Amino acid sequence: MIKVNDALYTLVGRVLLGVLFLPAGLMKLMGFAGTAGYIASVGLPLPEVGAALAIAIEIGGGAALLAGYHARLAAVVLAVFTVVATVCFHNFWAMPADQAFVQQLMFFKNIAVVGGLLVLAAHGAGAWSLDAKAHADDASHDQVHE
């Protein structure tokens, strides 16, 4: 039996996380040169590869969260990506004092997002997702063949 509140809250949380990543990936795609330039500006190697990887993770992971498709895996990949990006791009401890406050806010906001992603990874996409539909289809398929 589906608990409507659990299903609704999980759906809304999953969608809100997805809409954070999907548009960010699309913006990086549309401004690929700028994205690669920004990556290069912090001294990371292979900025074009990094930009392509970030785009693939954000678009693919964001879309997976929106659909609830392999959501646990997508959440873990996005969590790891977010931690790495946060340390590389919001390193407030190495910023001039006039920039540190905003970077610290961004750092801890991203850490909170990682927390949400890990909760999603632990509990799954919820009842209203493609993952739940696939699980239900597998269960009914197994019953037919017993």
N, C-alpha and C. Protein backbone atom coordinates (compact mmCIF):
# COMPACT_ATOMS: atom_id res chain seq x y z
N MET A 1 0.84 -1.19 0.00
CA MET A 1 0.00 0.00 0.00
C MET A 1 0.88 1.25 0.00
N ILE A 2 0.55 2.20 -0.83
CA ILE A 2 1.31 3.44 -0.94
C ILE A 2 0.83 4.42 0.11
N LYS A 3 1.77 4.95 0.88
CA LYS A 3 1.45 6.06 1.77
C LYS A 3 1.56 7.32 0.93
N VAL A 4 0.45 8.02 0.74
CA VAL A 4 0.42 9.17 -0.17
C VAL A 4 1.41 10.24 0.27
N ASN A 5 1.48 10.54 1.55
CA ASN A 5 2.41 11.58 2.01
C ASN A 5 3.86 11.20 1.69
N ASP A 6 4.24 9.95 1.97
CA ASP A 6 5.60 9.51 1.68
C ASP A 6 5.89 9.60 0.19
N ALA A 7 4.95 9.13 -0.62
CA ALA A 7 5.14 9.15 -2.07
C ALA A 7 5.23 10.58 -2.58
N LEU A 8 4.37 11.45 -2.08
CA LEU A 8 4.36 12.85 -2.51
C LEU A 8 5.63 13.57 -2.09
N TYR A 9 6.03 13.42 -0.83
CA TYR A 9 7.24 14.10 -0.35
C TYR A 9 8.48 13.61 -1.09
N THR A 10 8.56 12.31 -1.33
CA THR A 10 9.70 11.78 -2.06
C THR A 10 9.71 12.29 -3.49
N LEU A 11 8.56 12.32 -4.13
CA LEU A 11 8.48 12.84 -5.49
C LEU A 11 8.91 14.31 -5.54
N VAL A 12 8.36 15.12 -4.66
CA VAL A 12 8.69 16.55 -4.66
C VAL A 12 10.17 16.76 -4.37
N GLY A 13 10.71 16.06 -3.39
CA GLY A 13 12.13 16.19 -3.07
C GLY A 13 13.01 15.76 -4.21
N ARG A 14 12.66 14.65 -4.85
CA ARG A 14 13.43 14.14 -5.98
C ARG A 14 13.39 15.11 -7.15
N VAL A 15 12.21 15.67 -7.43
CA VAL A 15 12.07 16.63 -8.53
C VAL A 15 12.85 17.91 -8.23
N LEU A 16 12.77 18.39 -7.00
CA LEU A 16 13.51 19.61 -6.65
C LEU A 16 15.02 19.40 -6.79
N LEU A 17 15.51 18.25 -6.42
CA LEU A 17 16.93 17.97 -6.63
C LEU A 17 17.25 17.87 -8.12
N GLY A 18 16.37 17.24 -8.87
CA GLY A 18 16.59 17.11 -10.31
C GLY A 18 16.61 18.45 -11.03
N VAL A 19 15.73 19.36 -10.63
CA VAL A 19 15.69 20.66 -11.31
C VAL A 19 16.84 21.56 -10.89
N LEU A 20 17.60 21.16 -9.91
CA LEU A 20 18.84 21.87 -9.60
C LEU A 20 19.92 21.51 -10.61
N PHE A 21 19.99 20.24 -10.97
CA PHE A 21 21.08 19.75 -11.81
C PHE A 21 20.80 19.85 -13.31
N LEU A 22 19.61 19.50 -13.76
CA LEU A 22 19.33 19.46 -15.19
C LEU A 22 19.54 20.82 -15.87
N PRO A 23 18.96 21.90 -15.37
CA PRO A 23 19.21 23.20 -16.02
C PRO A 23 20.68 23.64 -15.93
N ALA A 24 21.34 23.30 -14.83
CA ALA A 24 22.77 23.65 -14.71
C ALA A 24 23.58 22.96 -15.80
N GLY A 25 23.28 21.71 -16.06
CA GLY A 25 23.98 20.98 -17.12
C GLY A 25 23.67 21.54 -18.49
N LEU A 26 22.41 21.91 -18.72
CA LEU A 26 22.04 22.49 -20.01
C LEU A 26 22.72 23.85 -20.23
N MET A 27 22.82 24.64 -19.17
CA MET A 27 23.51 25.94 -19.29
C MET A 27 25.00 25.73 -19.59
N LYS A 28 25.60 24.75 -18.96
CA LYS A 28 27.01 24.44 -19.24
C LYS A 28 27.17 23.99 -20.69
N LEU A 29 26.22 23.22 -21.18
CA LEU A 29 26.27 22.75 -22.56
C LEU A 29 26.18 23.93 -23.54
N MET A 30 25.26 24.84 -23.26
CA MET A 30 25.08 25.99 -24.15
C MET A 30 26.26 26.96 -24.09
N GLY A 31 26.96 26.97 -22.98
CA GLY A 31 28.13 27.82 -22.84
C GLY A 31 29.38 27.00 -22.60
N PHE A 32 29.58 26.00 -23.45
CA PHE A 32 30.66 25.04 -23.24
C PHE A 32 32.02 25.71 -23.08
N ALA A 33 32.34 26.65 -23.95
CA ALA A 33 33.65 27.30 -23.89
C ALA A 33 33.83 28.05 -22.57
N GLY A 34 32.79 28.72 -22.13
CA GLY A 34 32.86 29.43 -20.86
C GLY A 34 33.01 28.48 -19.69
N THR A 35 32.32 27.35 -19.76
CA THR A 35 32.44 26.34 -18.70
C THR A 35 33.85 25.80 -18.64
N ALA A 36 34.40 25.45 -19.80
CA ALA A 36 35.78 24.94 -19.84
C ALA A 36 36.76 26.01 -19.36
N GLY A 37 36.52 27.26 -19.74
CA GLY A 37 37.38 28.35 -19.27
C GLY A 37 37.32 28.53 -17.77
N TYR A 38 36.14 28.41 -17.19
CA TYR A 38 36.00 28.53 -15.73
C TYR A 38 36.73 27.39 -15.03
N ILE A 39 36.61 26.20 -15.56
CA ILE A 39 37.32 25.04 -14.99
C ILE A 39 38.83 25.27 -15.07
N ALA A 40 39.30 25.77 -16.21
CA ALA A 40 40.73 26.05 -16.37
C ALA A 40 41.19 27.15 -15.41
N SER A 41 40.30 28.11 -15.12
CA SER A 41 40.68 29.25 -14.28
C SER A 41 41.02 28.85 -12.85
N VAL A 42 40.53 27.71 -12.40
CA VAL A 42 40.87 27.25 -11.05
C VAL A 42 42.03 26.26 -11.07
N GLY A 43 42.62 26.06 -12.26
CA GLY A 43 43.82 25.25 -12.36
C GLY A 43 43.60 23.76 -12.53
N LEU A 44 42.37 23.36 -12.84
CA LEU A 44 42.12 21.93 -13.03
C LEU A 44 42.61 21.50 -14.42
N PRO A 45 43.13 20.29 -14.53
CA PRO A 45 43.62 19.81 -15.84
C PRO A 45 42.46 19.41 -16.75
N LEU A 46 42.73 19.36 -18.04
CA LEU A 46 41.79 18.90 -19.05
C LEU A 46 40.40 19.55 -18.89
N PRO A 47 40.33 20.86 -18.99
CA PRO A 47 39.06 21.55 -18.73
C PRO A 47 37.93 21.15 -19.68
N GLU A 48 38.24 20.83 -20.92
CA GLU A 48 37.17 20.41 -21.85
C GLU A 48 36.59 19.06 -21.44
N VAL A 49 37.47 18.16 -21.00
CA VAL A 49 37.00 16.86 -20.52
C VAL A 49 36.17 17.04 -19.25
N GLY A 50 36.65 17.89 -18.36
CA GLY A 50 35.91 18.17 -17.14
C GLY A 50 34.55 18.78 -17.43
N ALA A 51 34.49 19.69 -18.39
CA ALA A 51 33.21 20.31 -18.77
C ALA A 51 32.26 19.27 -19.34
N ALA A 52 32.76 18.42 -20.23
CA ALA A 52 31.92 17.38 -20.82
C ALA A 52 31.41 16.41 -19.75
N LEU A 53 32.28 16.05 -18.82
CA LEU A 53 31.89 15.15 -17.73
C LEU A 53 30.83 15.80 -16.84
N ALA A 54 31.04 17.07 -16.49
CA ALA A 54 30.06 17.79 -15.66
C ALA A 54 28.71 17.86 -16.37
N ILE A 55 28.72 18.15 -17.66
CA ILE A 55 27.48 18.23 -18.44
C ILE A 55 26.76 16.89 -18.44
N ALA A 56 27.50 15.83 -18.72
CA ALA A 56 26.88 14.50 -18.76
C ALA A 56 26.30 14.12 -17.41
N ILE A 57 27.03 14.39 -16.34
CA ILE A 57 26.55 14.03 -15.00
C ILE A 57 25.33 14.85 -14.62
N GLU A 58 25.39 16.15 -14.87
CA GLU A 58 24.27 17.00 -14.46
C GLU A 58 23.02 16.75 -15.30
N ILE A 59 23.17 16.62 -16.62
CA ILE A 59 21.99 16.37 -17.45
C ILE A 59 21.47 14.95 -17.22
N GLY A 60 22.35 13.96 -17.28
CA GLY A 60 21.92 12.58 -17.09
C GLY A 60 21.39 12.33 -15.69
N GLY A 61 22.12 12.81 -14.69
CA GLY A 61 21.68 12.61 -13.31
C GLY A 61 20.42 13.38 -12.99
N GLY A 62 20.34 14.61 -13.46
CA GLY A 62 19.13 15.41 -13.22
C GLY A 62 17.90 14.78 -13.86
N ALA A 63 18.05 14.33 -15.10
CA ALA A 63 16.93 13.67 -15.78
C ALA A 63 16.54 12.37 -15.07
N ALA A 64 17.54 11.61 -14.62
CA ALA A 64 17.25 10.36 -13.90
C ALA A 64 16.48 10.64 -12.61
N LEU A 65 16.86 11.69 -11.90
CA LEU A 65 16.12 12.03 -10.69
C LEU A 65 14.70 12.46 -11.01
N LEU A 66 14.53 13.28 -12.03
CA LEU A 66 13.18 13.72 -12.39
C LEU A 66 12.27 12.54 -12.69
N ALA A 67 12.80 11.57 -13.41
CA ALA A 67 12.00 10.40 -13.79
C ALA A 67 11.95 9.33 -12.70
N GLY A 68 12.87 9.42 -11.75
CA GLY A 68 12.96 8.35 -10.77
C GLY A 68 13.48 7.07 -11.41
N TYR A 69 14.42 7.21 -12.32
CA TYR A 69 14.99 6.08 -13.07
C TYR A 69 16.42 5.85 -12.60
N HIS A 70 16.68 4.69 -12.02
CA HIS A 70 17.98 4.41 -11.41
C HIS A 70 18.38 5.56 -10.48
N ALA A 71 17.41 5.99 -9.70
CA ALA A 71 17.58 7.18 -8.87
C ALA A 71 18.64 7.01 -7.79
N ARG A 72 18.76 5.84 -7.23
CA ARG A 72 19.79 5.62 -6.20
C ARG A 72 21.18 5.83 -6.78
N LEU A 73 21.44 5.24 -7.93
CA LEU A 73 22.74 5.40 -8.58
C LEU A 73 22.96 6.86 -8.98
N ALA A 74 21.96 7.47 -9.58
CA ALA A 74 22.07 8.87 -9.99
C ALA A 74 22.37 9.76 -8.79
N ALA A 75 21.70 9.50 -7.67
CA ALA A 75 21.91 10.31 -6.47
C ALA A 75 23.34 10.17 -5.95
N VAL A 76 23.88 8.96 -5.97
CA VAL A 76 25.26 8.75 -5.50
C VAL A 76 26.24 9.45 -6.43
N VAL A 77 26.06 9.30 -7.73
CA VAL A 77 26.95 9.95 -8.69
C VAL A 77 26.88 11.47 -8.52
N LEU A 78 25.68 12.01 -8.42
CA LEU A 78 25.53 13.45 -8.23
C LEU A 78 26.11 13.92 -6.89
N ALA A 79 26.00 13.11 -5.86
CA ALA A 79 26.58 13.47 -4.56
C ALA A 79 28.09 13.55 -4.65
N VAL A 80 28.73 12.56 -5.25
CA VAL A 80 30.18 12.57 -5.41
C VAL A 80 30.61 13.77 -6.26
N PHE A 81 29.93 13.97 -7.38
CA PHE A 81 30.21 15.10 -8.26
C PHE A 81 30.09 16.42 -7.49
N THR A 82 29.04 16.56 -6.71
CA THR A 82 28.80 17.81 -5.98
C THR A 82 29.88 18.06 -4.94
N VAL A 83 30.32 17.02 -4.24
CA VAL A 83 31.40 17.19 -3.27
C VAL A 83 32.67 17.65 -3.96
N VAL A 84 33.02 17.01 -5.06
CA VAL A 84 34.24 17.38 -5.79
C VAL A 84 34.13 18.81 -6.30
N ALA A 85 33.02 19.14 -6.94
CA ALA A 85 32.84 20.49 -7.47
C ALA A 85 32.84 21.52 -6.35
N THR A 86 32.26 21.20 -5.23
CA THR A 86 32.20 22.13 -4.11
C THR A 86 33.59 22.43 -3.57
N VAL A 87 34.39 21.41 -3.39
CA VAL A 87 35.75 21.61 -2.89
C VAL A 87 36.59 22.40 -3.88
N CYS A 88 36.40 22.14 -5.17
CA CYS A 88 37.20 22.82 -6.20
C CYS A 88 36.77 24.26 -6.44
N PHE A 89 35.47 24.53 -6.39
CA PHE A 89 34.97 25.82 -6.83
C PHE A 89 34.42 26.72 -5.72
N HIS A 90 34.26 26.19 -4.54
CA HIS A 90 33.75 27.00 -3.42
C HIS A 90 34.67 26.88 -2.21
N ASN A 91 35.96 26.90 -2.46
CA ASN A 91 36.95 26.75 -1.39
C ASN A 91 37.13 28.08 -0.65
N PHE A 92 36.15 28.38 0.16
CA PHE A 92 36.09 29.66 0.87
C PHE A 92 37.30 29.90 1.75
N TRP A 93 37.93 28.83 2.22
CA TRP A 93 39.08 28.95 3.10
C TRP A 93 40.30 29.54 2.39
N ALA A 94 40.29 29.52 1.06
CA ALA A 94 41.42 30.04 0.29
C ALA A 94 41.07 31.34 -0.43
N MET A 95 39.89 31.90 -0.12
CA MET A 95 39.42 33.10 -0.81
C MET A 95 39.78 34.36 -0.03
N PRO A 96 39.90 35.48 -0.74
CA PRO A 96 40.04 36.76 -0.05
C PRO A 96 38.80 37.00 0.82
N ALA A 97 38.97 37.74 1.88
CA ALA A 97 37.90 37.96 2.86
C ALA A 97 36.62 38.49 2.21
N ASP A 98 36.75 39.34 1.19
CA ASP A 98 35.55 39.91 0.57
C ASP A 98 34.77 38.89 -0.26
N GLN A 99 35.36 37.77 -0.59
CA GLN A 99 34.68 36.72 -1.34
C GLN A 99 34.34 35.49 -0.49
N ALA A 100 34.95 35.39 0.65
CA ALA A 100 34.83 34.17 1.47
C ALA A 100 33.40 33.92 1.94
N PHE A 101 32.68 34.96 2.34
CA PHE A 101 31.34 34.76 2.90
C PHE A 101 30.41 34.10 1.90
N VAL A 102 30.35 34.62 0.68
CA VAL A 102 29.46 34.06 -0.33
C VAL A 102 29.89 32.64 -0.69
N GLN A 103 31.19 32.42 -0.82
CA GLN A 103 31.68 31.08 -1.15
C GLN A 103 31.39 30.09 -0.02
N GLN A 104 31.45 30.56 1.22
CA GLN A 104 31.11 29.69 2.35
C GLN A 104 29.63 29.32 2.31
N LEU A 105 28.77 30.27 1.98
CA LEU A 105 27.34 29.97 1.84
C LEU A 105 27.11 28.93 0.74
N MET A 106 27.76 29.13 -0.39
CA MET A 106 27.62 28.19 -1.50
C MET A 106 28.15 26.80 -1.11
N PHE A 107 29.27 26.78 -0.40
CA PHE A 107 29.86 25.52 0.04
C PHE A 107 28.86 24.73 0.89
N PHE A 108 28.31 25.39 1.91
CA PHE A 108 27.42 24.66 2.82
C PHE A 108 26.06 24.37 2.20
N LYS A 109 25.61 25.20 1.27
CA LYS A 109 24.38 24.89 0.53
C LYS A 109 24.60 23.60 -0.26
N ASN A 110 25.75 23.49 -0.91
CA ASN A 110 26.04 22.28 -1.68
C ASN A 110 26.17 21.05 -0.79
N ILE A 111 26.75 21.23 0.38
CA ILE A 111 26.85 20.10 1.32
C ILE A 111 25.46 19.64 1.74
N ALA A 112 24.54 20.59 1.93
CA ALA A 112 23.16 20.22 2.25
C ALA A 112 22.51 19.46 1.09
N VAL A 113 22.78 19.88 -0.14
CA VAL A 113 22.27 19.17 -1.31
C VAL A 113 22.81 17.73 -1.32
N VAL A 114 24.09 17.57 -1.01
CA VAL A 114 24.68 16.23 -0.91
C VAL A 114 23.91 15.41 0.12
N GLY A 115 23.56 16.01 1.24
CA GLY A 115 22.77 15.31 2.25
C GLY A 115 21.44 14.82 1.69
N GLY A 116 20.76 15.67 0.95
CA GLY A 116 19.50 15.27 0.33
C GLY A 116 19.69 14.15 -0.67
N LEU A 117 20.76 14.23 -1.44
CA LEU A 117 21.05 13.17 -2.41
C LEU A 117 21.34 11.84 -1.72
N LEU A 118 22.04 11.88 -0.60
CA LEU A 118 22.34 10.64 0.12
C LEU A 118 21.09 10.04 0.75
N VAL A 119 20.17 10.88 1.21
CA VAL A 119 18.89 10.37 1.72
C VAL A 119 18.13 9.68 0.58
N LEU A 120 18.13 10.31 -0.59
CA LEU A 120 17.48 9.70 -1.74
C LEU A 120 18.17 8.38 -2.12
N ALA A 121 19.48 8.36 -2.08
CA ALA A 121 20.21 7.12 -2.38
C ALA A 121 19.85 6.02 -1.38
N ALA A 122 19.67 6.39 -0.13
CA ALA A 122 19.35 5.40 0.90
C ALA A 122 17.93 4.87 0.79
N HIS A 123 16.99 5.75 0.45
CA HIS A 123 15.57 5.37 0.51
C HIS A 123 14.94 5.12 -0.85
N GLY A 124 15.62 5.49 -1.92
CA GLY A 124 15.09 5.23 -3.25
C GLY A 124 14.19 6.33 -3.76
N ALA A 125 13.71 6.12 -4.97
CA ALA A 125 12.96 7.13 -5.71
C ALA A 125 11.52 7.30 -5.25
N GLY A 126 11.03 6.37 -4.50
CA GLY A 126 9.66 6.46 -4.02
C GLY A 126 8.67 5.73 -4.91
N ALA A 127 7.43 5.71 -4.45
CA ALA A 127 6.38 4.94 -5.11
C ALA A 127 5.99 5.50 -6.47
N TRP A 128 6.16 6.80 -6.65
CA TRP A 128 5.77 7.43 -7.91
C TRP A 128 7.03 7.68 -8.74
N SER A 129 7.59 6.61 -9.29
CA SER A 129 8.84 6.70 -10.05
C SER A 129 8.92 5.54 -11.03
N LEU A 130 9.80 5.69 -12.00
CA LEU A 130 10.03 4.59 -12.93
C LEU A 130 10.68 3.40 -12.22
N ASP A 131 11.51 3.69 -11.20
CA ASP A 131 12.11 2.59 -10.43
C ASP A 131 11.02 1.74 -9.77
N ALA A 132 10.01 2.37 -9.18
CA ALA A 132 8.93 1.63 -8.53
C ALA A 132 8.12 0.85 -9.56
N LYS A 133 7.88 1.47 -10.71
CA LYS A 133 7.14 0.77 -11.77
C LYS A 133 7.91 -0.46 -12.24
N ALA A 134 9.21 -0.30 -12.44
CA ALA A 134 10.02 -1.44 -12.88
C ALA A 134 10.02 -2.55 -11.84
N HIS A 135 10.09 -2.16 -10.56
CA HIS A 135 10.06 -3.16 -9.49
C HIS A 135 8.71 -3.88 -9.47
N ALA A 136 7.63 -3.14 -9.64
CA ALA A 136 6.29 -3.75 -9.67
C ALA A 136 6.14 -4.67 -10.88
N ASP A 137 6.66 -4.23 -12.03
CA ASP A 137 6.59 -5.07 -13.23
C ASP A 137 7.39 -6.35 -13.04
N ASP A 138 8.57 -6.25 -12.42
CA ASP A 138 9.39 -7.43 -12.15
C ASP A 138 8.66 -8.39 -11.22
N ALA A 139 8.02 -7.83 -10.18
CA ALA A 139 7.31 -8.68 -9.21
C ALA A 139 6.13 -9.39 -9.88
N SER A 140 5.38 -8.69 -10.72
CA SER A 140 4.24 -9.33 -11.39
C SER A 140 4.72 -10.34 -12.41
N HIS A 141 5.85 -10.07 -13.05
CA HIS A 141 6.44 -11.02 -14.01
C HIS A 141 6.88 -12.28 -13.28
N ASP A 142 7.46 -12.12 -12.10
CA ASP A 142 7.91 -13.28 -11.32
C ASP A 142 6.71 -14.12 -10.87
N GLN A 143 5.60 -13.48 -10.50
CA GLN A 143 4.42 -14.21 -10.06
C GLN A 143 3.82 -15.02 -11.21
N VAL A 144 3.85 -14.49 -12.40
CA VAL A 144 3.31 -15.19 -13.56
C VAL A 144 4.09 -16.45 -13.85
N HIS A 145 5.42 -16.40 -13.60
CA HIS A 145 6.27 -17.53 -13.94
C HIS A 145 6.49 -18.50 -12.78
N GLU A 146 5.79 -18.32 -11.69
CA GLU A 146 5.97 -19.25 -10.55
C GLU A 146 5.10 -20.45 -10.69
